[in-house]
Amino acid sequence: MKKLIYLIAILILFFSCKEVKETSTIPTLKFKEYTGVLASGTIKRIDSFPSKYVRPRNVDVWLPNNYSEENNYAVLYMHDGQMLFDAETTWNKQEWKVDEIIGGLIDSLKIKNTIVVAIWNHSDIRHTDYYPQKPFELLPQKFKDSILSEGEKQFGTTFNGLQSDNYLKFIIEEVKPFIDSNFSTLKTLENTFIAGSSMGGLISMYALCEYPKVFGGAACLSTHWVGFVPKENSPVPASFFTYLELNLPSSKNHKIYFDYGTNTLDEYYLPYQYRVEEVLKLKGYNESNSKNLKFDGHDHSENSWNQRFQIPVQFLLKK
């Protein structure tokens, strides 16, 4: 009997230490005062969120007007975080209007209570952070070599290798645990979503496929199927669809949203939208859990995305 009690005590001590070890990896970070203009809610900013996977970057946490520790909130993770809230601070003087749109939908009771985690990009490494690694590995080696060489010239950065797997680890292993420890969140996949546009659409799709037990859905606006510069007979789009056929998670408990415009860079996506439909059908998706919408006259800009952002938000986060 004494041996049994001793063994139980050892096990309790072991699991207690294990829990302390796991939680101790979550950093203690200070929030910086946000000085931008918001139409709704408040923002808490983490300046240069540290990481062992990627270059540190700002992370803004948008909280709705009704935020209270007494309630629980779904979480929407978004890329290109500096472009989401205040046009006065963006490079092109455009914004997604995330605070107006999500704040208004919450106030009108059309979606769940939600917070937004806005992860900033670094412009010089945005492409290497956002380009999905596993589809890239499906490409012929000669094509990969030429793409990396051209990428250095086009984007002014060294394409030694893609970092999207590490970028997702940054979100999953570092940002998300911090958010869940510091805010009143719902941690289930039914309440955890990810969204972005262009390259941000690609990495959102990739996040859903790589972490289907974390994310319940993804919104991929103006998804950059061409990967890099549009080229005739490029194998890049096919590599994405092959990857999706193999990895798009179950339609029973996941949602995915695609859309596209018809002007500027978006016009290059039009030939591939039928493949989106084919893959969704192949994987068992229907209108209740997937969208692939065309917006005539919309171009590749925040001013177009903010005109339709309420659609994927309601699709993913409806009550």
C-alpha atoms as a PDB file:
ATOM      1  CA  MET A   1       0.000   0.000   0.000  1.00  0.00           C
ATOM      2  CA  LYS A   2       2.824   2.399   0.903  1.00  0.00           C
ATOM      3  CA  LYS A   3       4.509   1.662  -2.419  1.00  0.00           C
ATOM      4  CA  LEU A   4       1.265   2.473  -4.257  1.00  0.00           C
ATOM      5  CA  ILE A   5       0.888   5.786  -2.405  1.00  0.00           C
ATOM      6  CA  TYR A   6       4.539   6.604  -3.129  1.00  0.00           C
ATOM      7  CA  LEU A   7       4.043   5.837  -6.819  1.00  0.00           C
ATOM      8  CA  ILE A   8       0.948   8.045  -7.019  1.00  0.00           C
ATOM      9  CA  ALA A   9       2.834  10.886  -5.331  1.00  0.00           C
ATOM     10  CA  ILE A  10       5.670  10.557  -7.874  1.00  0.00           C
ATOM     11  CA  LEU A  11       3.200  10.661 -10.763  1.00  0.00           C
ATOM     12  CA  ILE A  12       1.443  13.731  -9.360  1.00  0.00           C
ATOM     13  CA  LEU A  13       4.792  15.479  -8.965  1.00  0.00           C
ATOM     14  CA  PHE A  14       5.842  14.513 -12.490  1.00  0.00           C
ATOM     15  CA  PHE A  15       2.719  15.845 -14.172  1.00  0.00           C
ATOM     16  CA  SER A  16       2.758  18.978 -12.028  1.00  0.00           C
ATOM     17  CA  CYS A  17       6.325  19.698 -13.116  1.00  0.00           C
ATOM     18  CA  LYS A  18       5.410  18.932 -16.714  1.00  0.00           C
ATOM     19  CA  GLU A  19       2.581  21.461 -16.594  1.00  0.00           C
ATOM     20  CA  VAL A  20       4.841  24.128 -15.104  1.00  0.00           C
ATOM     21  CA  LYS A  21       7.462  23.440 -17.753  1.00  0.00           C
ATOM     22  CA  GLU A  22       4.937  23.793 -20.578  1.00  0.00           C
ATOM     23  CA  THR A  23       3.368  27.008 -19.321  1.00  0.00           C
ATOM     24  CA  SER A  24       6.725  28.548 -18.440  1.00  0.00           C
ATOM     25  CA  THR A  25       7.562  28.786 -22.144  1.00  0.00           C
ATOM     26  CA  ILE A  26       4.913  31.484 -22.595  1.00  0.00           C
ATOM     27  CA  PRO A  27       6.752  34.818 -22.425  1.00  0.00           C
ATOM     28  CA  THR A  28       5.740  37.723 -20.232  1.00  0.00           C
ATOM     29  CA  LEU A  29       5.381  40.631 -22.629  1.00  0.00           C
ATOM     30  CA  LYS A  30       4.342  44.215 -22.110  1.00  0.00           C
ATOM     31  CA  PHE A  31       1.580  45.793 -24.146  1.00  0.00           C
ATOM     32  CA  LYS A  32       2.383  49.061 -25.878  1.00  0.00           C
ATOM     33  CA  GLU A  33      -0.164  51.861 -26.056  1.00  0.00           C
ATOM     34  CA  TYR A  34      -1.839  52.043 -29.455  1.00  0.00           C
ATOM     35  CA  THR A  35      -2.044  55.593 -30.813  1.00  0.00           C
ATOM     36  CA  GLY A  36      -3.843  55.002 -34.118  1.00  0.00           C
ATOM     37  CA  VAL A  37      -7.440  55.865 -34.976  1.00  0.00           C
ATOM     38  CA  LEU A  38     -10.117  53.209 -34.455  1.00  0.00           C
ATOM     39  CA  ALA A  39     -13.809  53.295 -35.325  1.00  0.00           C
ATOM     40  CA  SER A  40     -14.588  50.529 -32.841  1.00  0.00           C
ATOM     41  CA  GLY A  41     -12.897  48.603 -30.035  1.00  0.00           C
ATOM     42  CA  THR A  42      -9.372  48.900 -28.671  1.00  0.00           C
ATOM     43  CA  ILE A  43      -5.952  47.526 -29.596  1.00  0.00           C
ATOM     44  CA  LYS A  44      -3.254  46.099 -27.371  1.00  0.00           C
ATOM     45  CA  ARG A  45       0.104  45.965 -29.160  1.00  0.00           C
ATOM     46  CA  ILE A  46       3.036  43.665 -28.528  1.00  0.00           C
ATOM     47  CA  ASP A  47       6.090  45.412 -29.919  1.00  0.00           C
ATOM     48  CA  SER A  48       8.492  43.007 -31.656  1.00  0.00           C
ATOM     49  CA  PHE A  49       6.980  39.743 -30.444  1.00  0.00           C
ATOM     50  CA  PRO A  50      10.030  37.493 -29.829  1.00  0.00           C
ATOM     51  CA  SER A  51      10.390  34.206 -31.674  1.00  0.00           C
ATOM     52  CA  LYS A  52      12.831  31.347 -32.096  1.00  0.00           C
ATOM     53  CA  TYR A  53      11.346  30.630 -35.537  1.00  0.00           C
ATOM     54  CA  VAL A  54      11.037  33.937 -37.389  1.00  0.00           C
ATOM     55  CA  ARG A  55      12.152  37.543 -37.217  1.00  0.00           C
ATOM     56  CA  PRO A  56      10.350  39.357 -34.360  1.00  0.00           C
ATOM     57  CA  ARG A  57       7.421  41.494 -35.450  1.00  0.00           C
ATOM     58  CA  ASN A  58       4.568  43.524 -34.016  1.00  0.00           C
ATOM     59  CA  VAL A  59       1.351  41.792 -33.057  1.00  0.00           C
ATOM     60  CA  ASP A  60      -1.823  43.833 -32.522  1.00  0.00           C
ATOM     61  CA  VAL A  61      -4.729  42.374 -30.568  1.00  0.00           C
ATOM     62  CA  TRP A  62      -8.038  44.040 -31.399  1.00  0.00           C
ATOM     63  CA  LEU A  63     -10.688  43.770 -28.700  1.00  0.00           C
ATOM     64  CA  PRO A  64     -14.345  44.626 -29.398  1.00  0.00           C
ATOM     65  CA  ASN A  65     -16.290  47.186 -27.411  1.00  0.00           C
ATOM     66  CA  ASN A  66     -17.973  44.425 -25.418  1.00  0.00           C
ATOM     67  CA  TYR A  67     -14.732  42.719 -24.390  1.00  0.00           C
ATOM     68  CA  SER A  68     -14.867  41.386 -20.841  1.00  0.00           C
ATOM     69  CA  GLU A  69     -12.935  38.692 -19.014  1.00  0.00           C
ATOM     70  CA  GLU A  70     -16.315  37.330 -17.953  1.00  0.00           C
ATOM     71  CA  ASN A  71     -17.095  36.331 -21.544  1.00  0.00           C
ATOM     72  CA  ASN A  72     -15.308  34.039 -23.990  1.00  0.00           C
ATOM     73  CA  TYR A  73     -14.294  35.067 -27.497  1.00  0.00           C
ATOM     74  CA  ALA A  74     -13.578  33.391 -30.802  1.00  0.00           C
ATOM     75  CA  VAL A  75     -10.225  34.353 -32.336  1.00  0.00           C
ATOM     76  CA  LEU A  76      -9.475  35.424 -35.898  1.00  0.00           C
ATOM     77  CA  TYR A  77      -5.763  35.442 -36.771  1.00  0.00           C
ATOM     78  CA  MET A  78      -4.899  37.758 -39.667  1.00  0.00           C
ATOM     79  CA  HIS A  79      -1.747  38.421 -41.694  1.00  0.00           C
ATOM     80  CA  ASP A  80      -0.387  41.782 -42.886  1.00  0.00           C
ATOM     81  CA  GLY A  81      -1.440  43.202 -39.539  1.00  0.00           C
ATOM     82  CA  GLN A  82      -0.288  46.764 -40.204  1.00  0.00           C
ATOM     83  CA  MET A  83      -2.804  47.073 -43.058  1.00  0.00           C
ATOM     84  CA  LEU A  84      -5.974  46.258 -41.133  1.00  0.00           C
ATOM     85  CA  PHE A  85      -7.083  49.196 -38.988  1.00  0.00           C
ATOM     86  CA  ASP A  86      -5.804  52.682 -39.823  1.00  0.00           C
ATOM     87  CA  ALA A  87      -5.257  54.000 -43.357  1.00  0.00           C
ATOM     88  CA  GLU A  88      -3.264  56.939 -41.992  1.00  0.00           C
ATOM     89  CA  THR A  89      -0.410  54.591 -41.060  1.00  0.00           C
ATOM     90  CA  THR A  90      -0.357  52.238 -44.075  1.00  0.00           C
ATOM     91  CA  TRP A  91       2.029  52.555 -47.022  1.00  0.00           C
ATOM     92  CA  ASN A  92      -0.790  53.018 -49.566  1.00  0.00           C
ATOM     93  CA  LYS A  93      -3.259  54.899 -47.336  1.00  0.00           C
ATOM     94  CA  GLN A  94      -5.727  52.013 -47.530  1.00  0.00           C
ATOM     95  CA  GLU A  95      -7.007  49.639 -44.833  1.00  0.00           C
ATOM     96  CA  TRP A  96      -9.196  46.566 -44.394  1.00  0.00           C
ATOM     97  CA  LYS A  97     -11.516  48.383 -41.940  1.00  0.00           C
ATOM     98  CA  VAL A  98     -11.437  45.359 -39.674  1.00  0.00           C
ATOM     99  CA  ASP A  99     -12.524  47.357 -36.616  1.00  0.00           C
ATOM    100  CA  GLU A 100     -15.518  48.869 -38.428  1.00  0.00           C
ATOM    101  CA  ILE A 101     -16.623  45.605 -40.031  1.00  0.00           C
ATOM    102  CA  ILE A 102     -16.143  43.115 -37.203  1.00  0.00           C
ATOM    103  CA  GLY A 103     -17.183  45.628 -34.552  1.00  0.00           C
ATOM    104  CA  GLY A 104     -20.399  46.368 -36.446  1.00  0.00           C
ATOM    105  CA  LEU A 105     -21.203  42.679 -36.956  1.00  0.00           C
ATOM    106  CA  ILE A 106     -20.691  41.971 -33.251  1.00  0.00           C
ATOM    107  CA  ASP A 107     -22.841  44.940 -32.220  1.00  0.00           C
ATOM    108  CA  SER A 108     -25.627  43.793 -34.557  1.00  0.00           C
ATOM    109  CA  LEU A 109     -25.392  40.240 -33.140  1.00  0.00           C
ATOM    110  CA  LYS A 110     -24.610  38.717 -36.556  1.00  0.00           C
ATOM    111  CA  ILE A 111     -21.392  36.973 -35.481  1.00  0.00           C
ATOM    112  CA  LYS A 112     -19.851  35.502 -32.353  1.00  0.00           C
ATOM    113  CA  ASN A 113     -17.969  37.662 -29.904  1.00  0.00           C
ATOM    114  CA  THR A 114     -14.536  37.791 -31.541  1.00  0.00           C
ATOM    115  CA  ILE A 115     -11.060  39.205 -31.064  1.00  0.00           C
ATOM    116  CA  VAL A 116      -8.600  39.720 -33.919  1.00  0.00           C
ATOM    117  CA  VAL A 117      -4.888  38.929 -33.700  1.00  0.00           C
ATOM    118  CA  ALA A 118      -3.181  41.025 -36.368  1.00  0.00           C
ATOM    119  CA  ILE A 119       0.322  39.748 -37.144  1.00  0.00           C
ATOM    120  CA  TRP A 120       2.512  42.263 -38.976  1.00  0.00           C
ATOM    121  CA  ASN A 121       4.692  41.353 -41.921  1.00  0.00           C
ATOM    122  CA  HIS A 122       8.240  42.368 -42.837  1.00  0.00           C
ATOM    123  CA  SER A 123       8.006  43.554 -46.434  1.00  0.00           C
ATOM    124  CA  ASP A 124      11.432  42.215 -47.451  1.00  0.00           C
ATOM    125  CA  ILE A 125      10.664  38.662 -46.309  1.00  0.00           C
ATOM    126  CA  ARG A 126       6.889  38.617 -46.738  1.00  0.00           C
ATOM    127  CA  HIS A 127       7.073  36.295 -49.734  1.00  0.00           C
ATOM    128  CA  THR A 128       9.318  33.755 -48.037  1.00  0.00           C
ATOM    129  CA  ASP A 129       7.150  33.829 -44.888  1.00  0.00           C
ATOM    130  CA  TYR A 130       3.875  33.388 -46.774  1.00  0.00           C
ATOM    131  CA  TYR A 131       4.684  31.082 -49.700  1.00  0.00           C
ATOM    132  CA  PRO A 132       3.592  27.542 -48.637  1.00  0.00           C
ATOM    133  CA  GLN A 133       6.633  25.297 -48.376  1.00  0.00           C
ATOM    134  CA  LYS A 134       5.207  21.865 -49.147  1.00  0.00           C
ATOM    135  CA  PRO A 135       3.603  22.871 -52.476  1.00  0.00           C
ATOM    136  CA  PHE A 136       6.884  24.534 -53.429  1.00  0.00           C
ATOM    137  CA  GLU A 137       8.678  21.233 -52.892  1.00  0.00           C
ATOM    138  CA  LEU A 138       6.387  19.642 -55.487  1.00  0.00           C
ATOM    139  CA  LEU A 139       7.847  21.864 -58.215  1.00  0.00           C
ATOM    140  CA  PRO A 140      10.623  20.705 -60.589  1.00  0.00           C
ATOM    141  CA  GLN A 141      14.072  21.533 -59.208  1.00  0.00           C
ATOM    142  CA  LYS A 142      15.100  23.631 -62.224  1.00  0.00           C
ATOM    143  CA  PHE A 143      11.963  25.714 -61.870  1.00  0.00           C
ATOM    144  CA  LYS A 144      12.539  26.166 -58.116  1.00  0.00           C
ATOM    145  CA  ASP A 145      16.091  27.331 -58.753  1.00  0.00           C
ATOM    146  CA  SER A 146      14.999  29.869 -61.369  1.00  0.00           C
ATOM    147  CA  ILE A 147      12.158  31.134 -59.171  1.00  0.00           C
ATOM    148  CA  LEU A 148      14.467  31.693 -56.220  1.00  0.00           C
ATOM    149  CA  SER A 149      16.928  33.539 -58.429  1.00  0.00           C
ATOM    150  CA  GLU A 150      14.204  35.748 -59.920  1.00  0.00           C
ATOM    151  CA  GLY A 151      12.732  36.305 -56.472  1.00  0.00           C
ATOM    152  CA  GLU A 152      15.967  37.823 -55.250  1.00  0.00           C
ATOM    153  CA  LYS A 153      15.905  40.326 -58.099  1.00  0.00           C
ATOM    154  CA  GLN A 154      12.208  41.123 -57.833  1.00  0.00           C
ATOM    155  CA  PHE A 155      11.748  41.353 -54.085  1.00  0.00           C
ATOM    156  CA  GLY A 156      15.215  42.518 -53.065  1.00  0.00           C
ATOM    157  CA  THR A 157      15.680  39.725 -50.548  1.00  0.00           C
ATOM    158  CA  THR A 158      17.766  36.577 -50.332  1.00  0.00           C
ATOM    159  CA  PHE A 159      15.637  33.545 -51.142  1.00  0.00           C
ATOM    160  CA  ASN A 160      17.806  30.970 -49.405  1.00  0.00           C
ATOM    161  CA  GLY A 161      14.670  29.034 -48.592  1.00  0.00           C
ATOM    162  CA  LEU A 162      11.048  29.460 -47.667  1.00  0.00           C
ATOM    163  CA  GLN A 163      10.091  30.113 -44.058  1.00  0.00           C
ATOM    164  CA  SER A 164       6.352  29.465 -44.119  1.00  0.00           C
ATOM    165  CA  ASP A 165       6.571  26.323 -41.970  1.00  0.00           C
ATOM    166  CA  ASN A 166       8.462  28.328 -39.357  1.00  0.00           C
ATOM    167  CA  TYR A 167       6.015  31.217 -39.693  1.00  0.00           C
ATOM    168  CA  LEU A 168       3.139  28.866 -38.891  1.00  0.00           C
ATOM    169  CA  LYS A 169       5.089  27.457 -35.938  1.00  0.00           C
ATOM    170  CA  PHE A 170       5.467  31.034 -34.731  1.00  0.00           C
ATOM    171  CA  ILE A 171       1.685  31.430 -34.783  1.00  0.00           C
ATOM    172  CA  ILE A 172       0.830  28.022 -33.333  1.00  0.00           C
ATOM    173  CA  GLU A 173       3.586  27.547 -30.750  1.00  0.00           C
ATOM    174  CA  GLU A 174       4.307  31.137 -29.697  1.00  0.00           C
ATOM    175  CA  VAL A 175       1.562  33.630 -30.547  1.00  0.00           C
ATOM    176  CA  LYS A 176      -1.504  31.464 -29.885  1.00  0.00           C
ATOM    177  CA  PRO A 177      -0.402  30.240 -26.427  1.00  0.00           C
ATOM    178  CA  PHE A 178       0.317  33.853 -25.442  1.00  0.00           C
ATOM    179  CA  ILE A 179      -3.095  35.010 -26.690  1.00  0.00           C
ATOM    180  CA  ASP A 180      -4.921  32.170 -24.938  1.00  0.00           C
ATOM    181  CA  SER A 181      -3.058  32.902 -21.679  1.00  0.00           C
ATOM    182  CA  ASN A 182      -3.675  36.643 -21.698  1.00  0.00           C
ATOM    183  CA  PHE A 183      -7.173  36.941 -23.132  1.00  0.00           C
ATOM    184  CA  SER A 184     -10.513  35.246 -22.587  1.00  0.00           C
ATOM    185  CA  THR A 185     -10.572  33.025 -25.656  1.00  0.00           C
ATOM    186  CA  LEU A 186     -12.422  29.985 -26.889  1.00  0.00           C
ATOM    187  CA  LYS A 187      -9.639  27.551 -27.772  1.00  0.00           C
ATOM    188  CA  THR A 188     -11.508  24.978 -29.863  1.00  0.00           C
ATOM    189  CA  LEU A 189     -11.088  24.722 -33.621  1.00  0.00           C
ATOM    190  CA  GLU A 190     -14.747  25.727 -34.023  1.00  0.00           C
ATOM    191  CA  ASN A 191     -13.748  29.130 -32.667  1.00  0.00           C
ATOM    192  CA  THR A 192     -10.276  29.600 -34.161  1.00  0.00           C
ATOM    193  CA  PHE A 193      -9.881  30.994 -37.680  1.00  0.00           C
ATOM    194  CA  ILE A 194      -7.269  32.518 -39.953  1.00  0.00           C
ATOM    195  CA  ALA A 195      -7.528  35.006 -42.829  1.00  0.00           C
ATOM    196  CA  GLY A 196      -5.520  36.977 -45.348  1.00  0.00           C
ATOM    197  CA  SER A 197      -5.328  38.171 -48.937  1.00  0.00           C
ATOM    198  CA  SER A 198      -3.036  37.481 -51.893  1.00  0.00           C
ATOM    199  CA  MET A 199       0.040  35.770 -50.384  1.00  0.00           C
ATOM    200  CA  GLY A 200      -1.885  36.010 -47.115  1.00  0.00           C
ATOM    201  CA  GLY A 201      -4.590  33.936 -48.776  1.00  0.00           C
ATOM    202  CA  LEU A 202      -2.061  31.248 -49.652  1.00  0.00           C
ATOM    203  CA  ILE A 203      -0.634  31.056 -46.132  1.00  0.00           C
ATOM    204  CA  SER A 204      -4.147  30.989 -44.625  1.00  0.00           C
ATOM    205  CA  MET A 205      -5.061  28.033 -46.848  1.00  0.00           C
ATOM    206  CA  TYR A 206      -1.768  26.369 -45.871  1.00  0.00           C
ATOM    207  CA  ALA A 207      -2.391  26.965 -42.153  1.00  0.00           C
ATOM    208  CA  LEU A 208      -5.783  25.256 -42.337  1.00  0.00           C
ATOM    209  CA  CYS A 209      -4.280  22.251 -44.115  1.00  0.00           C
ATOM    210  CA  GLU A 210      -1.212  21.933 -41.894  1.00  0.00           C
ATOM    211  CA  TYR A 211      -3.036  22.541 -38.597  1.00  0.00           C
ATOM    212  CA  PRO A 212      -6.584  21.195 -39.018  1.00  0.00           C
ATOM    213  CA  LYS A 213      -6.837  20.490 -35.288  1.00  0.00           C
ATOM    214  CA  VAL A 214      -6.184  24.165 -34.512  1.00  0.00           C
ATOM    215  CA  PHE A 215      -8.105  26.084 -37.181  1.00  0.00           C
ATOM    216  CA  GLY A 216     -11.750  25.476 -37.985  1.00  0.00           C
ATOM    217  CA  GLY A 217     -11.715  27.660 -41.064  1.00  0.00           C
ATOM    218  CA  ALA A 218      -9.791  30.014 -43.313  1.00  0.00           C
ATOM    219  CA  ALA A 219     -10.673  33.044 -45.421  1.00  0.00           C
ATOM    220  CA  CYS A 220      -8.486  33.387 -48.518  1.00  0.00           C
ATOM    221  CA  LEU A 221      -9.192  36.598 -50.421  1.00  0.00           C
ATOM    222  CA  SER A 222      -7.646  37.150 -53.869  1.00  0.00           C
ATOM    223  CA  THR A 223      -5.513  34.049 -53.357  1.00  0.00           C
ATOM    224  CA  HIS A 224      -2.227  34.422 -55.269  1.00  0.00           C
ATOM    225  CA  TRP A 225      -2.404  31.134 -57.207  1.00  0.00           C
ATOM    226  CA  VAL A 226       0.444  32.215 -59.491  1.00  0.00           C
ATOM    227  CA  GLY A 227       2.818  32.236 -56.514  1.00  0.00           C
ATOM    228  CA  PHE A 228       5.247  34.741 -57.933  1.00  0.00           C
ATOM    229  CA  VAL A 229       5.058  36.764 -61.162  1.00  0.00           C
ATOM    230  CA  PRO A 230       2.316  35.512 -63.529  1.00  0.00           C
ATOM    231  CA  LYS A 231       3.832  33.265 -66.216  1.00  0.00           C
ATOM    232  CA  GLU A 232       2.461  31.194 -69.054  1.00  0.00           C
ATOM    233  CA  ASN A 233       2.632  27.433 -68.518  1.00  0.00           C
ATOM    234  CA  SER A 234       3.789  27.893 -64.928  1.00  0.00           C
ATOM    235  CA  PRO A 235       3.606  24.711 -62.813  1.00  0.00           C
ATOM    236  CA  VAL A 236       2.970  26.770 -59.654  1.00  0.00           C
ATOM    237  CA  PRO A 237      -0.865  26.806 -59.631  1.00  0.00           C
ATOM    238  CA  ALA A 238      -1.031  23.059 -60.260  1.00  0.00           C
ATOM    239  CA  SER A 239       1.281  22.460 -57.283  1.00  0.00           C
ATOM    240  CA  PHE A 240      -1.157  24.258 -54.993  1.00  0.00           C
ATOM    241  CA  PHE A 241      -4.132  22.261 -56.232  1.00  0.00           C
ATOM    242  CA  THR A 242      -2.250  18.974 -55.955  1.00  0.00           C
ATOM    243  CA  TYR A 243      -1.383  19.885 -52.375  1.00  0.00           C
ATOM    244  CA  LEU A 244      -4.996  20.815 -51.622  1.00  0.00           C
ATOM    245  CA  GLU A 245      -6.284  17.531 -53.047  1.00  0.00           C
ATOM    246  CA  LEU A 246      -4.035  15.691 -50.623  1.00  0.00           C
ATOM    247  CA  ASN A 247      -4.326  17.902 -47.549  1.00  0.00           C
ATOM    248  CA  LEU A 248      -7.526  19.943 -47.408  1.00  0.00           C
ATOM    249  CA  PRO A 249      -9.078  18.789 -44.110  1.00  0.00           C
ATOM    250  CA  SER A 250     -12.464  17.200 -43.546  1.00  0.00           C
ATOM    251  CA  SER A 251     -15.481  19.179 -44.657  1.00  0.00           C
ATOM    252  CA  LYS A 252     -17.402  17.855 -41.654  1.00  0.00           C
ATOM    253  CA  ASN A 253     -15.822  20.308 -39.211  1.00  0.00           C
ATOM    254  CA  HIS A 254     -13.967  22.859 -41.360  1.00  0.00           C
ATOM    255  CA  LYS A 255     -14.892  25.814 -43.542  1.00  0.00           C
ATOM    256  CA  ILE A 256     -12.923  27.513 -46.286  1.00  0.00           C
ATOM    257  CA  TYR A 257     -13.620  30.714 -48.188  1.00  0.00           C
ATOM    258  CA  PHE A 258     -12.050  31.802 -51.489  1.00  0.00           C
ATOM    259  CA  ASP A 259     -12.811  34.858 -53.599  1.00  0.00           C
ATOM    260  CA  TYR A 260     -11.353  36.868 -56.448  1.00  0.00           C
ATOM    261  CA  GLY A 261     -11.824  40.115 -58.326  1.00  0.00           C
ATOM    262  CA  THR A 262     -11.504  40.762 -62.028  1.00  0.00           C
ATOM    263  CA  ASN A 263      -9.140  43.744 -62.259  1.00  0.00           C
ATOM    264  CA  THR A 264      -5.368  44.347 -61.865  1.00  0.00           C
ATOM    265  CA  LEU A 265      -3.512  41.359 -60.408  1.00  0.00           C
ATOM    266  CA  ASP A 266      -6.758  39.509 -59.656  1.00  0.00           C
ATOM    267  CA  GLU A 267      -7.427  39.006 -63.370  1.00  0.00           C
ATOM    268  CA  TYR A 268      -4.599  36.460 -63.440  1.00  0.00           C
ATOM    269  CA  TYR A 269      -6.507  34.243 -60.987  1.00  0.00           C
ATOM    270  CA  LEU A 270      -9.565  33.795 -63.223  1.00  0.00           C
ATOM    271  CA  PRO A 271      -8.237  30.760 -65.174  1.00  0.00           C
ATOM    272  CA  TYR A 272      -7.742  28.801 -61.944  1.00  0.00           C
ATOM    273  CA  GLN A 273     -11.092  29.263 -60.250  1.00  0.00           C
ATOM    274  CA  TYR A 274     -12.586  26.181 -61.912  1.00  0.00           C
ATOM    275  CA  ARG A 275      -9.830  24.131 -60.252  1.00  0.00           C
ATOM    276  CA  VAL A 276     -10.862  25.553 -56.894  1.00  0.00           C
ATOM    277  CA  GLU A 277     -14.396  24.290 -57.535  1.00  0.00           C
ATOM    278  CA  GLU A 278     -13.117  20.871 -58.565  1.00  0.00           C
ATOM    279  CA  VAL A 279     -10.974  20.435 -55.471  1.00  0.00           C
ATOM    280  CA  LEU A 280     -13.740  21.580 -53.124  1.00  0.00           C
ATOM    281  CA  LYS A 281     -16.171  19.118 -54.698  1.00  0.00           C
ATOM    282  CA  LEU A 282     -13.593  16.315 -54.616  1.00  0.00           C
ATOM    283  CA  LYS A 283     -13.025  16.869 -50.884  1.00  0.00           C
ATOM    284  CA  GLY A 284     -16.741  16.829 -50.079  1.00  0.00           C
ATOM    285  CA  TYR A 285     -17.292  20.551 -49.574  1.00  0.00           C
ATOM    286  CA  ASN A 286     -20.574  22.241 -50.453  1.00  0.00           C
ATOM    287  CA  GLU A 287     -22.169  25.679 -50.129  1.00  0.00           C
ATOM    288  CA  SER A 288     -22.638  25.276 -46.391  1.00  0.00           C
ATOM    289  CA  ASN A 289     -18.908  24.953 -45.658  1.00  0.00           C
ATOM    290  CA  SER A 290     -17.146  26.535 -48.636  1.00  0.00           C
ATOM    291  CA  LYS A 291     -17.319  29.608 -50.860  1.00  0.00           C
ATOM    292  CA  ASN A 292     -15.566  30.599 -54.087  1.00  0.00           C
ATOM    293  CA  LEU A 293     -16.959  33.995 -55.028  1.00  0.00           C
ATOM    294  CA  LYS A 294     -16.321  36.319 -57.945  1.00  0.00           C
ATOM    295  CA  PHE A 295     -16.487  40.110 -57.510  1.00  0.00           C
ATOM    296  CA  ASP A 296     -16.680  41.930 -60.813  1.00  0.00           C
ATOM    297  CA  GLY A 297     -14.782  45.192 -60.874  1.00  0.00           C
ATOM    298  CA  HIS A 298     -12.821  44.481 -57.700  1.00  0.00           C
ATOM    299  CA  ASP A 299      -9.058  44.844 -57.889  1.00  0.00           C
ATOM    300  CA  HIS A 300      -6.079  43.694 -55.831  1.00  0.00           C
ATOM    301  CA  SER A 301      -6.244  46.225 -53.002  1.00  0.00           C
ATOM    302  CA  GLU A 302      -7.425  46.855 -49.466  1.00  0.00           C
ATOM    303  CA  ASN A 303     -10.143  49.120 -50.859  1.00  0.00           C
ATOM    304  CA  SER A 304     -11.623  46.114 -52.643  1.00  0.00           C
ATOM    305  CA  TRP A 305     -11.106  43.681 -49.799  1.00  0.00           C
ATOM    306  CA  ASN A 306     -12.799  45.975 -47.290  1.00  0.00           C
ATOM    307  CA  GLN A 307     -15.872  46.093 -49.541  1.00  0.00           C
ATOM    308  CA  ARG A 308     -16.424  42.355 -49.131  1.00  0.00           C
ATOM    309  CA  PHE A 309     -14.626  41.364 -45.936  1.00  0.00           C
ATOM    310  CA  GLN A 310     -17.938  41.156 -44.058  1.00  0.00           C
ATOM    311  CA  ILE A 311     -18.903  38.151 -46.218  1.00  0.00           C
ATOM    312  CA  PRO A 312     -16.125  35.750 -45.097  1.00  0.00           C
ATOM    313  CA  VAL A 313     -16.382  37.076 -41.524  1.00  0.00           C
ATOM    314  CA  GLN A 314     -20.063  36.150 -41.320  1.00  0.00           C
ATOM    315  CA  PHE A 315     -19.420  32.865 -43.115  1.00  0.00           C
ATOM    316  CA  LEU A 316     -16.785  31.777 -40.594  1.00  0.00           C
ATOM    317  CA  LEU A 317     -18.058  33.407 -37.412  1.00  0.00           C
ATOM    318  CA  LYS A 318     -21.836  33.377 -37.663  1.00  0.00           C
ATOM    319  CA  LYS A 319     -23.654  32.464 -34.484  1.00  0.00           C
END
